[in-house]
N, C-alpha and C. Protein backbone atom coordinates (compact mmCIF):
# COMPACT_ATOMS: atom_id res chain seq x y z
N MET A 1 -35.87 -5.76 68.48
CA MET A 1 -36.45 -6.39 69.64
C MET A 1 -37.62 -5.54 70.14
N VAL A 2 -38.50 -6.20 70.85
CA VAL A 2 -39.66 -5.51 71.41
C VAL A 2 -39.73 -5.76 72.91
N ASN A 3 -40.44 -4.92 73.60
CA ASN A 3 -40.59 -5.08 75.05
C ASN A 3 -41.68 -6.07 75.43
N SER A 4 -42.63 -6.27 74.54
CA SER A 4 -43.75 -7.16 74.80
C SER A 4 -44.05 -7.99 73.56
N ALA A 5 -44.51 -9.21 73.76
CA ALA A 5 -44.83 -10.09 72.63
C ALA A 5 -45.93 -9.49 71.75
N ILE A 6 -46.80 -8.72 72.34
CA ILE A 6 -47.89 -8.12 71.57
C ILE A 6 -47.36 -7.12 70.54
N ASP A 7 -46.16 -6.61 70.74
CA ASP A 7 -45.57 -5.64 69.81
C ASP A 7 -44.80 -6.30 68.66
N TRP A 8 -44.65 -7.62 68.70
CA TRP A 8 -43.95 -8.33 67.62
C TRP A 8 -44.96 -8.60 66.53
N LYS A 9 -44.92 -7.81 65.46
CA LYS A 9 -46.00 -7.80 64.48
C LYS A 9 -46.13 -9.09 63.66
N TRP A 10 -45.21 -10.00 63.79
CA TRP A 10 -45.30 -11.26 63.06
C TRP A 10 -45.86 -12.39 63.93
N SER A 11 -46.29 -12.06 65.14
CA SER A 11 -46.78 -13.11 66.02
C SER A 11 -48.30 -13.23 65.95
N SER A 12 -48.79 -14.42 66.23
CA SER A 12 -50.23 -14.63 66.28
C SER A 12 -50.84 -13.81 67.41
N TYR A 13 -50.09 -13.61 68.46
CA TYR A 13 -50.56 -12.82 69.60
C TYR A 13 -50.86 -11.38 69.17
N PHE A 14 -49.98 -10.82 68.37
CA PHE A 14 -50.20 -9.46 67.84
C PHE A 14 -51.51 -9.40 67.08
N TYR A 15 -51.72 -10.34 66.17
CA TYR A 15 -52.93 -10.31 65.35
C TYR A 15 -54.18 -10.59 66.15
N ARG A 16 -54.07 -11.46 67.14
CA ARG A 16 -55.24 -11.75 67.98
C ARG A 16 -55.66 -10.52 68.77
N GLU A 17 -54.70 -9.83 69.35
CA GLU A 17 -55.00 -8.71 70.22
C GLU A 17 -55.27 -7.41 69.46
N LYS A 18 -54.56 -7.20 68.37
CA LYS A 18 -54.73 -5.96 67.61
C LYS A 18 -55.91 -6.04 66.64
N LYS A 19 -56.43 -7.24 66.42
CA LYS A 19 -57.57 -7.46 65.52
C LYS A 19 -57.31 -6.87 64.14
N SER A 20 -56.13 -7.16 63.63
CA SER A 20 -55.74 -6.63 62.32
C SER A 20 -56.61 -7.25 61.22
N ASP A 21 -57.22 -6.42 60.40
CA ASP A 21 -58.01 -6.93 59.29
C ASP A 21 -57.15 -7.12 58.04
N LYS A 22 -55.86 -6.84 58.15
CA LYS A 22 -54.95 -7.02 57.03
C LYS A 22 -54.54 -8.48 56.88
N PHE A 23 -54.81 -9.26 57.90
CA PHE A 23 -54.30 -10.62 57.91
C PHE A 23 -55.37 -11.55 58.44
N PHE A 24 -55.72 -12.55 57.67
CA PHE A 24 -56.67 -13.56 58.13
C PHE A 24 -55.87 -14.67 58.79
N SER A 25 -56.27 -15.04 59.96
CA SER A 25 -55.50 -16.02 60.71
C SER A 25 -56.41 -17.05 61.37
N LEU A 26 -55.87 -18.22 61.57
CA LEU A 26 -56.60 -19.25 62.30
C LEU A 26 -56.85 -18.83 63.74
N THR A 27 -56.08 -17.88 64.22
CA THR A 27 -56.27 -17.41 65.59
C THR A 27 -57.55 -16.59 65.73
N ASP A 28 -58.15 -16.21 64.61
CA ASP A 28 -59.42 -15.49 64.67
C ASP A 28 -60.54 -16.36 65.23
N PHE A 29 -60.34 -17.67 65.15
CA PHE A 29 -61.37 -18.61 65.56
C PHE A 29 -60.86 -19.48 66.70
N SER A 30 -60.60 -18.86 67.80
CA SER A 30 -60.06 -19.59 68.95
C SER A 30 -61.18 -20.33 69.67
N TYR A 31 -60.97 -21.62 69.83
CA TYR A 31 -61.93 -22.45 70.56
C TYR A 31 -61.60 -22.50 72.04
N ILE A 32 -60.46 -21.95 72.38
CA ILE A 32 -60.01 -21.98 73.77
C ILE A 32 -60.02 -20.56 74.31
N LYS A 33 -60.71 -20.37 75.41
CA LYS A 33 -60.72 -19.06 76.05
C LYS A 33 -59.41 -18.89 76.80
N LEU A 34 -58.71 -17.83 76.48
CA LEU A 34 -57.43 -17.57 77.11
C LEU A 34 -57.64 -17.02 78.52
N PRO A 35 -56.74 -17.34 79.44
CA PRO A 35 -56.86 -16.82 80.81
C PRO A 35 -56.76 -15.29 80.83
N GLU A 36 -57.32 -14.70 81.87
CA GLU A 36 -57.29 -13.24 82.02
C GLU A 36 -55.85 -12.70 82.03
N ASP A 37 -54.93 -13.46 82.60
CA ASP A 37 -53.54 -12.99 82.71
C ASP A 37 -52.66 -13.50 81.55
N TRP A 38 -53.27 -13.77 80.41
CA TRP A 38 -52.54 -14.34 79.27
C TRP A 38 -51.36 -13.46 78.85
N ASN A 39 -51.56 -12.15 78.80
CA ASN A 39 -50.46 -11.27 78.36
C ASN A 39 -49.28 -11.34 79.33
N GLU A 40 -49.54 -11.50 80.60
CA GLU A 40 -48.44 -11.64 81.57
C GLU A 40 -47.71 -12.97 81.35
N TYR A 41 -48.47 -14.01 81.07
CA TYR A 41 -47.89 -15.33 80.83
C TYR A 41 -47.01 -15.31 79.57
N VAL A 42 -47.51 -14.69 78.52
CA VAL A 42 -46.77 -14.64 77.25
C VAL A 42 -45.47 -13.84 77.40
N ASP A 43 -45.51 -12.78 78.18
CA ASP A 43 -44.33 -11.92 78.34
C ASP A 43 -43.36 -12.39 79.41
N LYS A 44 -43.70 -13.45 80.10
CA LYS A 44 -42.84 -13.95 81.18
C LYS A 44 -41.54 -14.52 80.60
N PHE A 45 -40.42 -14.15 81.21
CA PHE A 45 -39.13 -14.65 80.77
C PHE A 45 -38.98 -16.11 81.18
N LEU A 46 -38.34 -16.87 80.32
CA LEU A 46 -38.08 -18.27 80.64
C LEU A 46 -36.91 -18.36 81.61
N GLY A 47 -37.04 -19.23 82.57
CA GLY A 47 -35.95 -19.46 83.50
C GLY A 47 -34.92 -20.40 82.88
N GLU A 48 -33.80 -20.55 83.53
CA GLU A 48 -32.71 -21.39 83.03
C GLU A 48 -33.18 -22.84 82.85
N GLU A 49 -33.98 -23.33 83.79
CA GLU A 49 -34.46 -24.71 83.70
C GLU A 49 -35.33 -24.91 82.45
N ASP A 50 -36.20 -23.95 82.15
CA ASP A 50 -37.05 -24.04 80.96
C ASP A 50 -36.22 -24.00 79.68
N VAL A 51 -35.25 -23.11 79.65
CA VAL A 51 -34.38 -23.00 78.48
C VAL A 51 -33.62 -24.31 78.26
N ASN A 52 -33.12 -24.91 79.32
CA ASN A 52 -32.40 -26.17 79.21
C ASN A 52 -33.30 -27.28 78.69
N LYS A 53 -34.56 -27.30 79.11
CA LYS A 53 -35.51 -28.31 78.61
C LYS A 53 -35.75 -28.14 77.12
N ILE A 54 -35.87 -26.90 76.68
CA ILE A 54 -36.07 -26.63 75.26
C ILE A 54 -34.84 -27.06 74.46
N LEU A 55 -33.67 -26.72 74.94
CA LEU A 55 -32.43 -27.10 74.26
C LEU A 55 -32.28 -28.62 74.18
N GLN A 56 -32.63 -29.30 75.25
CA GLN A 56 -32.56 -30.76 75.26
C GLN A 56 -33.53 -31.35 74.24
N SER A 57 -34.72 -30.78 74.15
CA SER A 57 -35.70 -31.24 73.19
C SER A 57 -35.22 -31.02 71.74
N ILE A 58 -34.59 -29.89 71.49
CA ILE A 58 -34.07 -29.60 70.17
C ILE A 58 -32.97 -30.59 69.79
N LYS A 59 -32.10 -30.89 70.73
CA LYS A 59 -31.00 -31.82 70.47
C LYS A 59 -31.51 -33.21 70.12
N ARG A 60 -32.67 -33.61 70.70
CA ARG A 60 -33.24 -34.93 70.40
C ARG A 60 -33.81 -35.00 68.99
N GLN A 61 -34.13 -33.86 68.42
CA GLN A 61 -34.72 -33.84 67.09
C GLN A 61 -33.68 -34.26 66.10
């Protein structure tokens, strides 16, 4: 486990922020400017209501 999403080396967030030249990714060409507080948003824990919505969506699949 990691403390921040940026430390999870298999995530697109890691590659976007670390600018790794070892991996070519579609995230290199972002057409959307991310908000200034993006890292806080990504690291925010999901609340119980959000988790329940995700679980409900999975069950419908």
